Amino acid sequence: MPRKIIDFLSSNWVSIILALLLALTVWIVASLEENPFQEADLPTPVEIDVKGLAPGLIITNDYPQAARVRVRAQQETWRSISAEDVLVTADLSGLGPGSHQVELIPQINTNAPAAVVSMNPRHVRFELEERDQREMPVQVQIEGQPAIGYSVGNKQITPSLVTVEGPESKVERISEVRARISVEAQRDDIQTTADLVPLDANGDIVTEVVLNPSQVTLDIPIKQEAGFRDISIIVRRLGNPPPGYYVSSIVVNPQIITVRGDAAVIEAMQPYAETEPIELSDKTDDFRQEVSIALPLGVTPVQNEKVEVLVTIGAQQGSRTVLDVPVQAQNLGDKLTATFSPNVVDIILSGPLTELDSLNPQQDITVTVDLNGLGPGRHQIEPNVEVIYEDIRVDSVLPLVIEVEIKTGTGK
C-alpha cells in the first residue's frame, strides 16, 4: 500500500501541486470577497514626533505638527486601526544650523495587516539655529505724572538683571528689556510687579524668546515737593435743622486738597482747613452747595478754589400708639349684617416724628375687615390697616385677629 501511494505521487505530482495552487487561489479570492482591502485616509491626523535635535540647537520656524496618513488594510482591520496605531517621525539627528528638508518616516505599531500608502506632507522643512543666552539690565519706563506737587524718587528694581534665552538671531536683536509703570495722579509710594517686554532698537517686541524672570518688583517712592501740602476739609456748620429733623451725613468732594505757598507757612499750618459757614437752620431736605475754603494768607489751592458739600437731612424717627380705632366692614354681601368682636383695635406706628405728631387717627387711619364671599357664621379675620402717610409703618395691630359674626338681616 505505501508503495502504491508513492508511485501515485511520483507520477502525478504536477497535477497535485496545480490542484493545491488552485485551491489556495479559490480560498484567497473567497477571503477577499468577504474581507476586501480598502485604502483611505485615517480620520484623524497623526502627530509628528520630532527627535534627534542636537543640544544647543532650536527650531525657529513654524512647521506642521501633524500629517495626513493614507493606509491600506483589509475591511476588518479598518474597524480597529486609528491614528494612535501610527507613528510618524522626523529625525533631525546629525543636522546642524541651517534649513533642512526632512523626510517623514511612518510606522504602523499594530500586528494587524496594514501598510502606509502615502502621507501629506511627506517632507517637512526645519530651520535650526544655535540657542543663545545672555543677561540684560531691566529698564523702567514711567508713564504719566504724579499728583500736582509730587515727584518721583529713585526707583528700585528687583531683580535688576534678567536672563534672555532663545534663537541666536532673536537674542541678538534685543536692545532693551523694559518694564512699564504708571504713576498718573499718584500721591503714595508704589510697590508692584510689572511684566517684562523684550524690545529691539525700533521699540518693536521681539518674539520667540524667554525671559527669566518674566516679572520684576518695582519700588517707586512718590514724594511731596517743598511748598506743597495735602490738607483735609472740615465743613463749618451754622445752626441745626428744625425740630424733627437732623443731619445724617455731610460729604465733601474732594475730601483732600493740595495747597501751595511759602514753604515755612505751609509747614506751620494745620493739616486741615474749614469751609465758609453752611446754614442749616432752615433745611429739611438734602442739598448740595459749593463753598470756599478758609486758608492762611499766601496759601492757595492748587486746583479748584471751592469744594462741593452734600448734606443729607433725615427726619427723626419715633413711635406712637393709637388706641380704639374703629373697625369697618368691607365687601359685606347683600342682606347681611356683621358684628365685630372687638370692634376697635390699638395700633403701634413708627416713622418720622413730624408725621407721627401731625397724624389725625380719625381721618388718616382706616382699619377694615374684608368680608368678600363670606356667608352667615363666625369668622376669624386679620384686619387691614392703611395710613395716609407713606413713611409711617404699621408695627403691630392689637388684637391681630378680629372675630366677625355675620347674620342674615336687612342692612349691613
Protein backbone atom coordinates (compact mmCIF):
# COMPACT_ATOMS: atom_id res chain seq x y z
CA MET A 1 0.00 0.00 0.00
CA PRO A 2 2.65 2.58 0.84
CA ARG A 3 4.42 1.72 -2.36
CA LYS A 4 1.34 2.39 -4.43
CA ILE A 5 0.90 5.79 -2.79
CA ILE A 6 4.49 6.70 -3.50
CA ASP A 7 4.17 5.63 -7.12
CA PHE A 8 0.95 7.66 -7.45
CA LEU A 9 2.54 10.79 -6.01
CA SER A 10 5.62 10.40 -8.16
CA SER A 11 3.65 10.11 -11.35
CA ASN A 12 1.08 12.80 -10.52
CA TRP A 13 3.00 15.46 -8.51
CA VAL A 14 2.47 18.17 -11.07
CA SER A 15 -1.28 17.70 -11.00
CA ILE A 16 -1.27 17.65 -7.20
CA ILE A 17 0.63 20.95 -6.98
CA LEU A 18 -1.66 22.57 -9.53
CA ALA A 19 -4.67 21.39 -7.56
CA LEU A 20 -3.24 22.85 -4.35
CA LEU A 21 -2.50 26.16 -6.05
CA LEU A 22 -5.98 26.25 -7.48
CA ALA A 23 -7.48 25.56 -4.04
CA LEU A 24 -5.32 28.29 -2.49
CA THR A 25 -6.37 30.74 -5.20
CA VAL A 26 -10.01 29.93 -4.67
CA TRP A 27 -9.57 30.44 -0.88
CA ILE A 28 -7.81 33.78 -1.39
CA VAL A 29 -10.45 35.03 -3.80
CA ALA A 30 -13.21 33.98 -1.41
CA SER A 31 -11.47 35.66 1.52
CA LEU A 32 -11.01 38.91 -0.39
CA GLU A 33 -14.62 38.90 -1.40
CA GLU A 34 -15.64 38.61 2.26
CA ASN A 35 -12.87 40.87 3.66
CA PRO A 36 -11.58 43.08 0.80
CA PHE A 37 -8.68 45.56 1.04
CA GLN A 38 -9.56 49.24 1.47
CA GLU A 39 -7.40 52.33 1.03
CA ALA A 40 -8.30 55.59 2.79
CA ASP A 41 -7.00 58.45 4.93
CA LEU A 42 -7.10 57.99 8.68
CA PRO A 43 -9.90 60.25 10.02
CA THR A 44 -7.52 61.93 12.49
CA PRO A 45 -4.13 63.45 11.53
CA VAL A 46 -1.09 61.76 13.09
CA GLU A 47 1.13 63.93 15.29
CA ILE A 48 4.70 64.30 14.02
CA ASP A 49 7.30 63.11 16.51
CA VAL A 50 10.48 65.22 16.24
CA LYS A 51 13.60 63.53 17.58
CA GLY A 52 17.35 63.80 17.35
CA LEU A 53 17.60 67.59 17.77
CA ALA A 54 21.17 68.31 18.84
CA PRO A 55 21.76 70.03 22.20
CA GLY A 56 22.25 73.77 21.78
CA LEU A 57 20.01 73.96 18.70
CA ILE A 58 16.46 75.27 18.47
CA ILE A 59 13.77 75.05 15.78
CA THR A 60 12.85 78.59 14.72
CA ASN A 61 10.20 78.10 12.03
CA ASP A 62 6.57 77.06 12.21
CA TYR A 63 6.31 73.52 10.86
CA PRO A 64 3.27 71.23 10.56
CA GLN A 65 2.56 69.43 13.81
CA ALA A 66 0.66 66.54 12.19
CA ALA A 67 0.41 64.67 8.90
CA ARG A 68 -2.46 63.12 6.97
CA VAL A 69 -1.74 59.40 6.58
CA ARG A 70 -3.31 57.12 3.94
CA VAL A 71 -3.42 53.43 4.93
CA ARG A 72 -4.23 50.25 3.00
CA ALA A 73 -5.77 47.47 5.08
CA GLN A 74 -8.50 44.85 4.94
CA GLN A 75 -12.00 45.81 5.93
CA GLU A 76 -11.89 44.04 9.29
CA THR A 77 -8.60 45.77 10.15
CA TRP A 78 -10.14 49.20 9.49
CA ARG A 79 -12.57 48.60 12.34
CA SER A 80 -9.74 48.66 14.90
CA ILE A 81 -6.99 50.84 13.40
CA SER A 82 -6.67 54.54 14.42
CA ALA A 83 -4.17 57.41 14.43
CA GLU A 84 -2.76 56.09 17.73
CA ASP A 85 -1.55 52.98 15.87
CA VAL A 86 0.66 55.01 13.51
CA LEU A 87 3.94 56.74 14.36
CA VAL A 88 5.29 59.49 12.08
CA THR A 89 8.85 60.56 12.88
CA ALA A 90 11.01 63.50 11.77
CA ASP A 91 14.61 62.53 12.57
CA LEU A 92 16.93 65.55 12.95
CA SER A 93 19.95 63.51 14.02
CA GLY A 94 23.23 64.92 12.72
CA LEU A 95 21.71 68.16 11.43
CA GLY A 96 23.37 71.47 12.23
CA PRO A 97 22.27 75.12 11.96
CA GLY A 98 20.50 75.99 8.72
CA SER A 99 17.49 74.99 6.64
CA HIS A 100 16.78 71.27 6.16
CA GLN A 101 14.16 69.24 4.28
CA VAL A 102 13.48 66.18 6.41
CA GLU A 103 11.58 63.15 5.14
CA LEU A 104 8.87 61.86 7.46
CA ILE A 105 9.13 58.17 8.38
CA PRO A 106 5.85 56.31 9.01
CA GLN A 107 5.49 53.16 11.09
CA ILE A 108 2.40 51.14 11.98
CA ASN A 109 2.51 49.96 15.58
CA THR A 110 -0.01 47.13 15.33
CA ASN A 111 0.07 43.44 14.37
CA ALA A 112 -2.91 43.89 12.09
CA PRO A 113 -2.05 43.63 8.36
CA ALA A 114 -1.87 47.27 7.19
CA ALA A 115 0.53 49.50 5.27
CA VAL A 116 1.04 53.25 4.84
CA VAL A 117 0.37 54.18 1.21
CA SER A 118 1.11 57.91 1.36
CA MET A 119 1.45 60.92 3.66
CA ASN A 120 0.75 64.64 3.37
CA PRO A 121 3.19 66.24 3.88
CA ARG A 122 5.92 63.75 3.02
CA HIS A 123 8.78 66.19 3.74
CA VAL A 124 8.97 68.97 6.32
CA ARG A 125 11.33 71.97 6.35
CA PHE A 126 13.10 72.73 9.64
CA GLU A 127 15.05 75.94 10.34
CA LEU A 128 17.66 75.24 13.02
CA GLU A 129 19.59 77.89 14.94
CA GLU A 130 22.05 77.95 17.78
CA ARG A 131 20.42 78.68 21.16
CA ASP A 132 21.77 81.88 22.72
CA GLN A 133 21.57 83.26 26.26
CA ARG A 134 22.65 86.49 27.91
CA GLU A 135 21.95 88.76 30.87
CA MET A 136 20.43 92.19 30.34
CA PRO A 137 19.57 95.07 32.70
CA VAL A 138 15.91 95.98 33.23
CA GLN A 139 14.85 99.44 32.06
CA VAL A 140 11.77 101.05 33.63
CA GLN A 141 9.51 103.30 31.59
CA ILE A 142 7.47 105.58 33.87
CA GLU A 143 4.22 106.74 32.32
CA GLY A 144 2.05 109.67 33.39
CA GLN A 145 2.63 112.28 36.06
CA PRO A 146 2.06 112.04 39.83
CA ALA A 147 -0.42 114.35 41.54
CA ILE A 148 0.38 118.07 41.42
CA GLY A 149 3.05 118.91 43.97
CA TYR A 150 4.53 115.41 43.92
CA SER A 151 7.57 113.96 42.18
CA VAL A 152 9.02 110.51 41.54
CA GLY A 153 12.02 109.49 43.64
CA ASN A 154 14.76 106.95 42.92
CA LYS A 155 13.19 103.67 41.83
CA GLN A 156 14.29 100.20 42.91
CA ILE A 157 14.07 97.17 40.59
CA THR A 158 14.24 93.60 41.90
CA PRO A 159 15.97 91.84 40.22
CA SER A 160 17.77 94.42 38.16
CA LEU A 161 19.18 91.81 35.71
CA VAL A 162 17.26 89.17 33.75
CA THR A 163 18.32 86.28 31.51
CA VAL A 164 17.21 86.30 27.87
CA GLU A 165 17.21 82.95 26.06
CA GLY A 166 16.18 81.91 22.56
CA PRO A 167 17.37 81.64 18.94
CA GLU A 168 20.64 83.43 18.39
CA SER A 169 19.22 85.78 15.75
CA LYS A 170 16.34 86.78 18.08
CA VAL A 171 18.52 87.31 21.15
CA GLU A 172 20.92 89.47 19.13
CA ARG A 173 18.01 91.71 18.07
CA ILE A 174 17.11 92.64 21.65
CA SER A 175 18.39 96.05 22.65
CA GLU A 176 16.33 96.54 25.82
CA VAL A 177 14.23 94.65 28.37
CA ARG A 178 11.58 97.07 29.59
CA ALA A 179 9.01 97.29 32.38
CA ARG A 180 6.22 99.88 32.24
CA ILE A 181 4.57 101.51 35.25
CA SER A 182 2.04 104.35 35.51
CA VAL A 183 2.34 107.00 38.23
CA GLU A 184 -0.61 109.05 36.97
CA ALA A 185 -2.13 111.15 39.82
CA GLN A 186 -0.26 109.11 42.46
CA ARG A 187 0.37 110.53 45.94
CA ASP A 188 1.63 107.39 47.68
CA ASP A 189 4.67 105.19 47.17
CA ILE A 190 4.17 102.39 44.64
CA GLN A 191 5.20 98.78 45.20
CA THR A 192 4.05 96.42 42.49
CA THR A 193 5.10 93.76 39.99
CA ALA A 194 5.47 94.53 36.29
CA ASP A 195 5.73 92.30 33.22
CA LEU A 196 8.95 92.47 31.20
CA VAL A 197 8.96 93.02 27.44
CA PRO A 198 11.99 92.43 25.13
CA LEU A 199 12.34 95.22 22.54
CA ASP A 200 14.57 95.79 19.53
CA ALA A 201 16.21 99.07 18.54
CA ASN A 202 12.97 100.25 16.89
CA GLY A 203 10.90 99.58 20.01
CA ASP A 204 9.21 96.51 18.49
CA ILE A 205 8.60 93.42 20.63
CA VAL A 206 10.95 90.51 19.92
CA THR A 207 9.11 87.20 19.93
CA GLU A 208 10.24 83.58 20.45
CA VAL A 209 12.50 84.42 23.39
CA VAL A 210 12.14 83.51 27.06
CA LEU A 211 12.79 85.96 29.91
CA ASN A 212 13.80 84.61 33.30
CA PRO A 213 12.22 86.00 35.40
CA SER A 214 9.34 87.36 33.31
CA GLN A 215 8.35 89.91 36.02
CA VAL A 216 10.17 92.26 38.37
CA THR A 217 9.19 94.04 41.58
CA LEU A 218 9.20 97.84 41.41
CA ASP A 219 9.51 100.16 44.42
CA ILE A 220 8.84 103.74 43.34
CA PRO A 221 8.81 106.48 46.02
CA ILE A 222 6.39 109.37 45.44
CA LYS A 223 7.47 112.47 47.35
CA GLN A 224 5.70 115.76 48.03
CA GLU A 225 7.71 118.74 46.93
CA ALA A 226 8.58 121.71 49.19
CA GLY A 227 5.89 124.41 49.23
CA PHE A 228 3.05 121.90 48.73
CA ARG A 229 0.86 120.13 51.25
CA ASP A 230 -2.26 117.93 51.31
CA ILE A 231 -4.91 119.04 53.80
CA SER A 232 -8.33 117.65 54.69
CA ILE A 233 -11.52 119.71 54.59
CA ILE A 234 -13.80 120.33 57.58
CA VAL A 235 -17.30 121.71 56.95
CA ARG A 236 -18.23 124.61 59.20
CA ARG A 237 -21.94 124.49 60.11
CA LEU A 238 -24.32 127.21 61.31
CA GLY A 239 -27.39 126.19 63.28
CA ASN A 240 -29.34 122.94 63.22
CA PRO A 241 -32.30 121.72 61.16
CA PRO A 242 -35.81 122.47 62.52
CA PRO A 243 -37.29 120.21 65.24
CA GLY A 244 -37.96 116.70 63.94
CA TYR A 245 -35.02 116.79 61.51
CA TYR A 246 -31.31 116.06 61.82
CA VAL A 247 -28.14 115.98 59.71
CA SER A 248 -27.50 112.34 58.79
CA SER A 249 -24.31 112.90 56.75
CA ILE A 250 -22.03 115.53 55.27
CA VAL A 251 -19.80 114.57 52.34
CA VAL A 252 -17.11 116.86 50.91
CA ASN A 253 -15.79 116.45 47.37
CA PRO A 254 -12.82 116.44 47.25
CA GLN A 255 -12.13 115.44 50.85
CA ILE A 256 -8.43 116.26 50.50
CA ILE A 257 -6.93 119.13 48.51
CA THR A 258 -3.38 120.15 47.70
CA VAL A 259 -2.33 123.70 48.56
CA ARG A 260 0.77 125.66 47.71
CA GLY A 261 2.56 128.63 49.20
CA ASP A 262 5.62 129.72 51.11
CA ALA A 263 7.36 126.62 52.45
CA ALA A 264 7.53 127.96 56.01
CA VAL A 265 3.83 128.90 56.06
CA ILE A 266 2.84 125.56 54.55
CA GLU A 267 4.89 123.71 57.16
CA ALA A 268 3.38 125.68 60.08
CA MET A 269 -0.31 125.43 59.06
CA GLN A 270 -2.80 122.88 60.40
CA PRO A 271 -3.32 119.67 58.38
CA TYR A 272 -6.92 120.78 57.70
CA ALA A 273 -8.94 123.82 56.68
CA GLU A 274 -12.54 124.88 57.28
CA THR A 275 -15.09 125.85 54.66
CA GLU A 276 -17.14 129.00 54.79
CA PRO A 277 -20.21 128.52 57.04
CA ILE A 278 -23.15 126.45 55.76
CA GLU A 279 -26.57 127.45 57.08
CA LEU A 280 -28.65 124.50 58.35
CA SER A 281 -31.37 126.13 60.46
CA ASP A 282 -33.96 126.14 57.65
CA LYS A 283 -33.03 122.86 55.94
CA THR A 284 -35.48 119.93 55.91
CA ASP A 285 -34.30 118.26 52.66
CA ASP A 286 -30.96 117.09 51.23
CA PHE A 287 -29.00 119.82 49.45
CA ARG A 288 -25.73 120.39 47.59
CA GLN A 289 -23.64 123.56 47.87
CA GLU A 290 -20.30 124.88 46.63
CA VAL A 291 -18.27 126.69 49.30
CA SER A 292 -14.90 128.41 49.55
CA ILE A 293 -12.08 127.29 51.84
CA ALA A 294 -10.53 129.45 54.56
CA LEU A 295 -6.74 129.36 54.05
CA PRO A 296 -3.84 131.33 55.58
CA LEU A 297 -2.64 134.40 53.70
CA GLY A 298 -0.40 133.41 50.80
CA VAL A 299 -1.68 129.82 50.65
CA THR A 300 -3.85 128.85 47.67
CA PRO A 301 -5.42 125.63 46.38
CA VAL A 302 -3.55 124.03 43.51
CA GLN A 303 -6.76 123.34 41.59
CA ASN A 304 -10.33 124.38 42.47
CA GLU A 305 -10.95 127.38 44.73
CA LYS A 306 -14.16 125.76 46.05
CA VAL A 307 -15.32 122.34 47.20
CA GLU A 308 -18.75 120.74 46.88
CA VAL A 309 -20.61 119.76 50.05
CA LEU A 310 -23.51 117.28 50.02
CA VAL A 311 -25.65 117.48 53.17
CA THR A 312 -28.19 114.72 53.86
CA ILE A 313 -31.11 115.70 56.11
CA GLY A 314 -33.11 112.97 57.83
CA ALA A 315 -36.41 113.04 59.67
CA GLN A 316 -36.10 111.96 63.29
CA GLN A 317 -37.83 108.65 63.86
CA GLY A 318 -40.23 107.77 66.65
CA SER A 319 -43.22 105.62 67.53
CA ARG A 320 -46.83 106.27 68.50
CA THR A 321 -49.65 104.12 69.81
CA VAL A 322 -53.14 104.96 68.59
CA LEU A 323 -55.97 103.48 70.70
CA ASP A 324 -59.51 102.43 69.87
CA VAL A 325 -59.51 102.81 66.13
CA PRO A 326 -62.93 101.55 64.87
CA VAL A 327 -63.10 98.52 62.58
CA GLN A 328 -65.09 98.85 59.36
CA ALA A 329 -66.66 96.14 57.21
CA GLN A 330 -65.61 95.83 53.59
CA ASN A 331 -67.36 93.86 50.79
CA LEU A 332 -70.19 92.60 53.00
CA GLY A 333 -72.82 90.75 50.99
CA ASP A 334 -76.38 92.00 50.43
CA LYS A 335 -78.95 91.42 53.19
CA LEU A 336 -76.18 90.52 55.67
CA THR A 337 -75.07 92.17 58.89
CA ALA A 338 -71.69 91.91 60.60
CA THR A 339 -70.71 92.26 64.23
CA PHE A 340 -67.04 92.64 65.20
CA SER A 341 -65.52 91.47 68.44
CA PRO A 342 -63.76 93.61 69.38
CA ASN A 343 -64.99 96.46 67.21
CA VAL A 344 -61.92 98.63 67.82
CA VAL A 345 -58.15 97.94 67.65
CA ASP A 346 -54.96 99.51 69.03
CA ILE A 347 -52.23 100.28 66.51
CA ILE A 348 -48.48 100.86 67.13
CA LEU A 349 -46.91 103.05 64.43
CA SER A 350 -43.34 104.17 63.68
CA GLY A 351 -41.87 106.74 61.33
CA PRO A 352 -40.79 110.38 61.11
CA LEU A 353 -41.70 112.30 64.26
CA THR A 354 -43.13 115.22 62.29
CA GLU A 355 -45.63 112.95 60.54
CA LEU A 356 -46.49 110.99 63.68
CA ASP A 357 -47.21 114.21 65.58
CA SER A 358 -49.45 115.57 62.82
CA LEU A 359 -51.39 112.31 62.40
CA ASN A 360 -55.19 112.53 62.91
CA PRO A 361 -56.34 108.98 63.74
CA GLN A 362 -59.98 109.62 62.80
CA GLN A 363 -59.10 110.94 59.34
CA ASP A 364 -55.68 109.45 58.49
CA ILE A 365 -56.06 105.80 59.62
CA THR A 366 -58.52 103.25 58.22
CA VAL A 367 -58.99 99.73 59.66
CA THR A 368 -61.06 97.37 57.51
CA VAL A 369 -62.01 93.69 57.51
CA ASP A 370 -62.58 92.14 54.08
CA LEU A 371 -65.78 90.01 54.13
CA ASN A 372 -65.88 89.24 50.42
CA GLY A 373 -67.60 85.90 49.77
CA LEU A 374 -68.34 85.17 53.42
CA GLY A 375 -71.80 84.00 54.50
CA PRO A 376 -73.58 83.71 57.85
CA GLY A 377 -71.50 82.35 60.72
CA ARG A 378 -68.45 83.21 62.78
CA HIS A 379 -65.15 84.03 61.06
CA GLN A 380 -61.64 84.88 62.27
CA ILE A 381 -60.06 87.57 60.06
CA GLU A 382 -56.95 89.75 60.23
CA PRO A 383 -57.76 93.46 59.85
CA ASN A 384 -56.07 95.62 57.22
CA VAL A 385 -54.62 98.99 58.33
CA GLU A 386 -53.99 101.87 55.92
CA VAL A 387 -52.22 105.11 56.91
CA ILE A 388 -52.29 108.20 54.73
CA TYR A 389 -48.54 108.91 55.21
CA GLU A 390 -46.30 106.58 53.16
CA ASP A 391 -43.33 106.92 55.53
CA ILE A 392 -45.30 105.73 58.55
CA ARG A 393 -45.06 101.98 59.21
CA VAL A 394 -47.61 99.80 61.00
CA ASP A 395 -45.57 97.81 63.51
CA SER A 396 -48.41 95.88 65.15
CA VAL A 397 -52.20 95.67 65.47
CA LEU A 398 -53.86 94.55 68.70
CA PRO A 399 -55.65 92.22 68.53
CA LEU A 400 -54.13 90.57 65.49
CA VAL A 401 -57.36 88.73 64.60
CA ILE A 402 -60.96 90.04 64.73
CA GLU A 403 -63.93 87.69 65.21
CA VAL A 404 -66.75 88.53 62.82
CA GLU A 405 -70.29 87.23 63.23
CA ILE A 406 -72.32 87.51 60.02
CA LYS A 407 -76.10 87.20 60.13
CA THR A 408 -78.92 87.48 57.69
CA GLY A 409 -80.56 90.85 58.07
CA THR A 410 -81.95 93.85 56.30
CA GLY A 411 -78.86 96.03 56.49
CA LYS A 412 -75.14 95.93 56.57
